[in-house]
Protein backbone atom coordinates (compact mmCIF):
# COMPACT_ATOMS: atom_id res chain seq x y z
CA MET A 1 49.20 -50.77 -9.14
CA ARG A 2 45.60 -50.52 -7.94
CA ARG A 3 44.83 -47.60 -5.64
CA PRO A 4 42.39 -48.12 -2.80
CA PRO A 5 39.12 -46.27 -3.19
CA THR A 6 38.67 -43.16 -1.12
CA THR A 7 35.41 -41.62 -0.13
CA PRO A 8 34.77 -38.13 -1.52
CA ASN A 9 35.13 -36.91 2.04
CA GLU A 10 38.60 -38.33 2.68
CA LEU A 11 41.83 -36.42 2.26
CA PRO A 12 45.42 -37.61 2.46
CA VAL A 13 46.94 -36.31 5.71
CA GLY A 14 50.29 -38.08 5.83
CA ARG A 15 52.61 -40.69 4.39
CA ILE A 16 54.61 -43.37 6.18
CA ALA A 17 58.19 -42.86 4.97
CA GLY A 18 60.07 -45.62 6.76
CA LEU A 19 60.92 -47.51 9.92
CA PHE A 20 62.52 -45.93 12.97
CA GLY A 21 64.27 -48.34 15.31
CA ILE A 22 63.20 -51.85 16.26
CA HIS A 23 60.17 -51.14 18.43
CA GLY A 24 57.57 -50.59 15.71
CA GLU A 25 57.89 -46.84 15.26
CA VAL A 26 57.50 -45.38 11.77
CA LYS A 27 58.55 -42.05 10.28
CA CYS A 28 55.58 -40.04 9.07
CA ASP A 29 55.49 -37.00 6.80
CA PRO A 30 52.17 -35.25 7.50
CA THR A 31 50.60 -32.83 5.06
CA SER A 32 50.43 -29.23 6.22
CA ALA A 33 46.64 -29.42 6.52
CA GLY A 34 46.71 -32.78 8.29
CA ARG A 35 49.52 -32.18 10.78
CA SER A 36 47.16 -30.99 13.54
CA LEU A 37 45.28 -34.31 13.43
CA PHE A 38 48.21 -36.34 14.70
CA ALA A 39 47.76 -37.11 18.40
CA ALA A 40 47.65 -40.20 20.60
CA GLY A 41 44.39 -42.03 19.93
CA ALA A 42 43.81 -40.48 16.48
CA GLN A 43 42.50 -42.92 13.89
CA PHE A 44 43.21 -42.99 10.16
CA ARG A 45 42.70 -45.19 7.14
CA ALA A 46 46.06 -46.43 5.89
CA ALA A 47 46.13 -47.09 2.15
CA LEU A 48 48.94 -49.62 1.92
CA ALA A 49 51.48 -49.75 -0.89
CA GLY A 50 50.11 -53.10 -2.10
CA GLY A 51 46.59 -51.72 -2.63
CA ALA A 52 44.86 -52.85 0.56
CA SER A 53 43.61 -50.59 3.33
CA ARG A 54 43.43 -50.92 7.08
CA GLU A 55 42.38 -48.78 10.00
CA VAL A 56 45.18 -47.60 12.31
CA ALA A 57 45.18 -45.70 15.60
CA ILE A 58 48.14 -43.81 17.02
CA GLU A 59 49.38 -45.25 20.29
CA THR A 60 52.29 -42.84 20.76
CA LEU A 61 53.94 -40.07 18.79
CA ARG A 62 56.91 -37.77 19.09
CA GLU A 63 58.83 -35.42 16.87
CA HIS A 64 62.37 -36.12 15.69
CA LYS A 65 64.28 -33.88 13.26
CA GLY A 66 61.10 -32.33 11.85
CA ARG A 67 59.36 -35.65 11.28
CA LEU A 68 56.72 -37.36 13.33
CA LEU A 69 57.57 -40.75 14.77
CA LEU A 70 54.44 -42.83 15.30
CA ARG A 71 53.66 -46.12 16.94
CA PHE A 72 50.28 -47.61 16.09
CA ASP A 73 48.11 -49.80 18.31
CA GLY A 74 48.88 -53.45 17.66
CA VAL A 75 52.19 -52.73 15.89
CA ALA A 76 54.75 -53.89 18.42
CA ASP A 77 57.93 -54.35 16.39
CA ALA A 78 59.74 -53.45 13.19
CA THR A 79 58.46 -56.56 11.41
CA ALA A 80 54.84 -55.53 11.97
CA ALA A 81 55.60 -51.90 11.11
CA GLN A 82 57.24 -52.90 7.81
CA ALA A 83 53.78 -53.52 6.28
CA LEU A 84 52.95 -49.81 6.75
CA ILE A 85 55.94 -48.41 4.84
CA GLY A 86 54.74 -46.33 1.89
CA ALA A 87 51.17 -46.14 3.19
CA THR A 88 49.17 -42.95 2.79
CA LEU A 89 47.08 -41.97 5.79
CA TYR A 90 43.58 -40.60 5.14
CA ALA A 91 41.12 -38.76 7.37
CA ASP A 92 37.64 -37.38 6.89
CA ARG A 93 37.68 -33.80 5.66
CA GLU A 94 35.50 -32.65 8.57
CA ARG A 95 38.42 -33.35 10.92
CA ILE A 96 40.69 -30.85 9.15
CA VAL A 97 40.54 -27.33 10.56
CA LEU A 98 41.74 -24.56 8.27
CA GLU A 99 42.73 -21.06 9.31
CA ALA A 100 41.16 -18.02 7.66
CA GLY A 101 42.67 -17.65 4.19
CA GLU A 102 43.73 -21.31 3.99
CA TYR A 103 42.25 -23.57 1.32
CA LEU A 104 42.60 -27.15 0.25
CA ASP A 105 43.78 -27.75 -3.30
CA ARG A 106 40.69 -29.76 -4.12
CA ASP A 107 38.45 -26.89 -2.95
CA LEU A 108 40.13 -24.44 -5.32
CA ALA A 109 40.14 -26.78 -8.34
CA GLY A 110 36.97 -26.14 -10.31
CA CYS A 111 36.54 -22.56 -9.08
CA VAL A 112 36.09 -19.94 -11.79
CA LEU A 113 38.55 -17.05 -11.85
CA TYR A 114 37.09 -13.60 -12.58
CA ASP A 115 38.72 -10.22 -13.00
CA SER A 116 37.61 -7.29 -10.82
CA ALA A 117 35.18 -6.19 -13.57
CA GLY A 118 33.39 -9.55 -13.39
CA ARG A 119 34.79 -11.03 -16.63
CA GLU A 120 35.48 -14.75 -16.55
CA LEU A 121 39.20 -15.52 -16.96
CA GLY A 122 39.07 -19.32 -16.77
CA THR A 123 38.61 -22.28 -14.47
CA VAL A 124 41.17 -23.41 -11.91
CA THR A 125 42.32 -26.89 -12.96
CA GLY A 126 44.87 -27.41 -10.20
CA VAL A 127 47.20 -25.88 -7.66
CA GLU A 128 51.00 -25.98 -7.79
CA HIS A 129 53.14 -25.34 -4.72
CA TYR A 130 56.34 -23.32 -4.93
CA PRO A 131 58.50 -21.81 -2.17
CA SER A 132 57.51 -18.26 -3.11
CA SER A 133 53.75 -18.91 -3.29
CA ASP A 134 51.07 -21.36 -4.26
CA MET A 135 49.96 -21.04 -7.88
CA LEU A 136 46.52 -21.57 -9.39
CA VAL A 137 46.64 -23.36 -12.73
CA VAL A 138 44.26 -21.55 -15.12
CA ARG A 139 44.27 -22.27 -18.87
CA GLY A 140 47.62 -23.98 -18.45
CA LYS A 141 49.21 -20.88 -16.93
CA LEU A 142 50.20 -20.12 -13.33
CA VAL A 143 48.50 -17.42 -11.29
CA PRO A 144 50.26 -16.61 -7.99
CA MET A 145 47.98 -16.83 -4.95
CA ILE A 146 49.25 -13.61 -3.41
CA ARG A 147 47.22 -10.80 -1.82
CA GLU A 148 48.29 -8.34 -4.50
CA PHE A 149 46.50 -10.45 -7.15
CA ILE A 150 43.80 -12.49 -5.39
CA LYS A 151 41.09 -10.20 -4.03
CA SER A 152 38.52 -12.74 -2.82
CA VAL A 153 37.95 -16.48 -2.66
CA ASP A 154 34.46 -17.91 -2.20
CA VAL A 155 34.83 -21.68 -2.29
CA GLY A 156 31.10 -22.21 -1.69
CA ALA A 157 30.21 -20.12 -4.75
CA ARG A 158 33.18 -21.62 -6.67
CA ARG A 159 34.37 -18.05 -7.41
CA ILE A 160 37.77 -16.35 -7.16
CA VAL A 161 38.20 -12.66 -8.00
CA ALA A 162 41.64 -11.46 -9.06
CA ASP A 163 43.29 -8.25 -10.19
CA LEU A 164 46.02 -9.59 -12.47
CA PRO A 165 48.76 -7.67 -14.26
CA PRO A 166 48.30 -7.33 -18.03
CA GLY A 167 49.57 -10.31 -19.98
CA LEU A 168 49.58 -12.87 -17.15
CA LEU A 169 46.86 -15.01 -18.76
CA ASP A 170 47.24 -13.82 -22.36
CA ASP A 171 47.63 -16.54 -24.95
CA ALA A 172 50.98 -16.78 -26.76
CA GLU A 173 49.25 -16.18 -30.13
CA ALA A 174 47.66 -12.96 -28.90
CA GLU A 175 51.06 -11.74 -27.71
CA SER A 176 52.75 -12.50 -31.02
CA ASP A 177 49.91 -10.85 -33.03
CA SER A 178 50.32 -7.58 -31.13
CA GLY A 179 54.08 -7.35 -31.74
């Protein structure tokens, strides 16, 4: 399946999960960073399941059982809304407002992790999300993004300083050689 191109400035902010009723409403699962963007009149690019894209604007929205229910301009019934099922909604990054200490996964990927003495520990290749904490993926290992370990994050400088417990990023061979 061909994915629609995104601009480097676009981020996924939600996904259309299904229909709700017969009047053209859809169930939407917003991302945590994108949730604040959802309001009447807000516009998004919808990357449709079949590979095409189209611009959509929210006519009405309401919350139901933790999900957003949206009706888009020009989508008057369930038949018209059916085409949006499975679509990912995208918005320009500039529209997303982050709180202090919040980061987007794509901002952290590519940052270099250093210890408190300034030694390079590796490059962040991704971010995994777990109930207990988010985890940086460095050299194939997981580094918890908790205050006890992460001392500073400078996305602009692509630098993260951490004070990690011994052995967290050690290679398996190094561990077996010492035993």
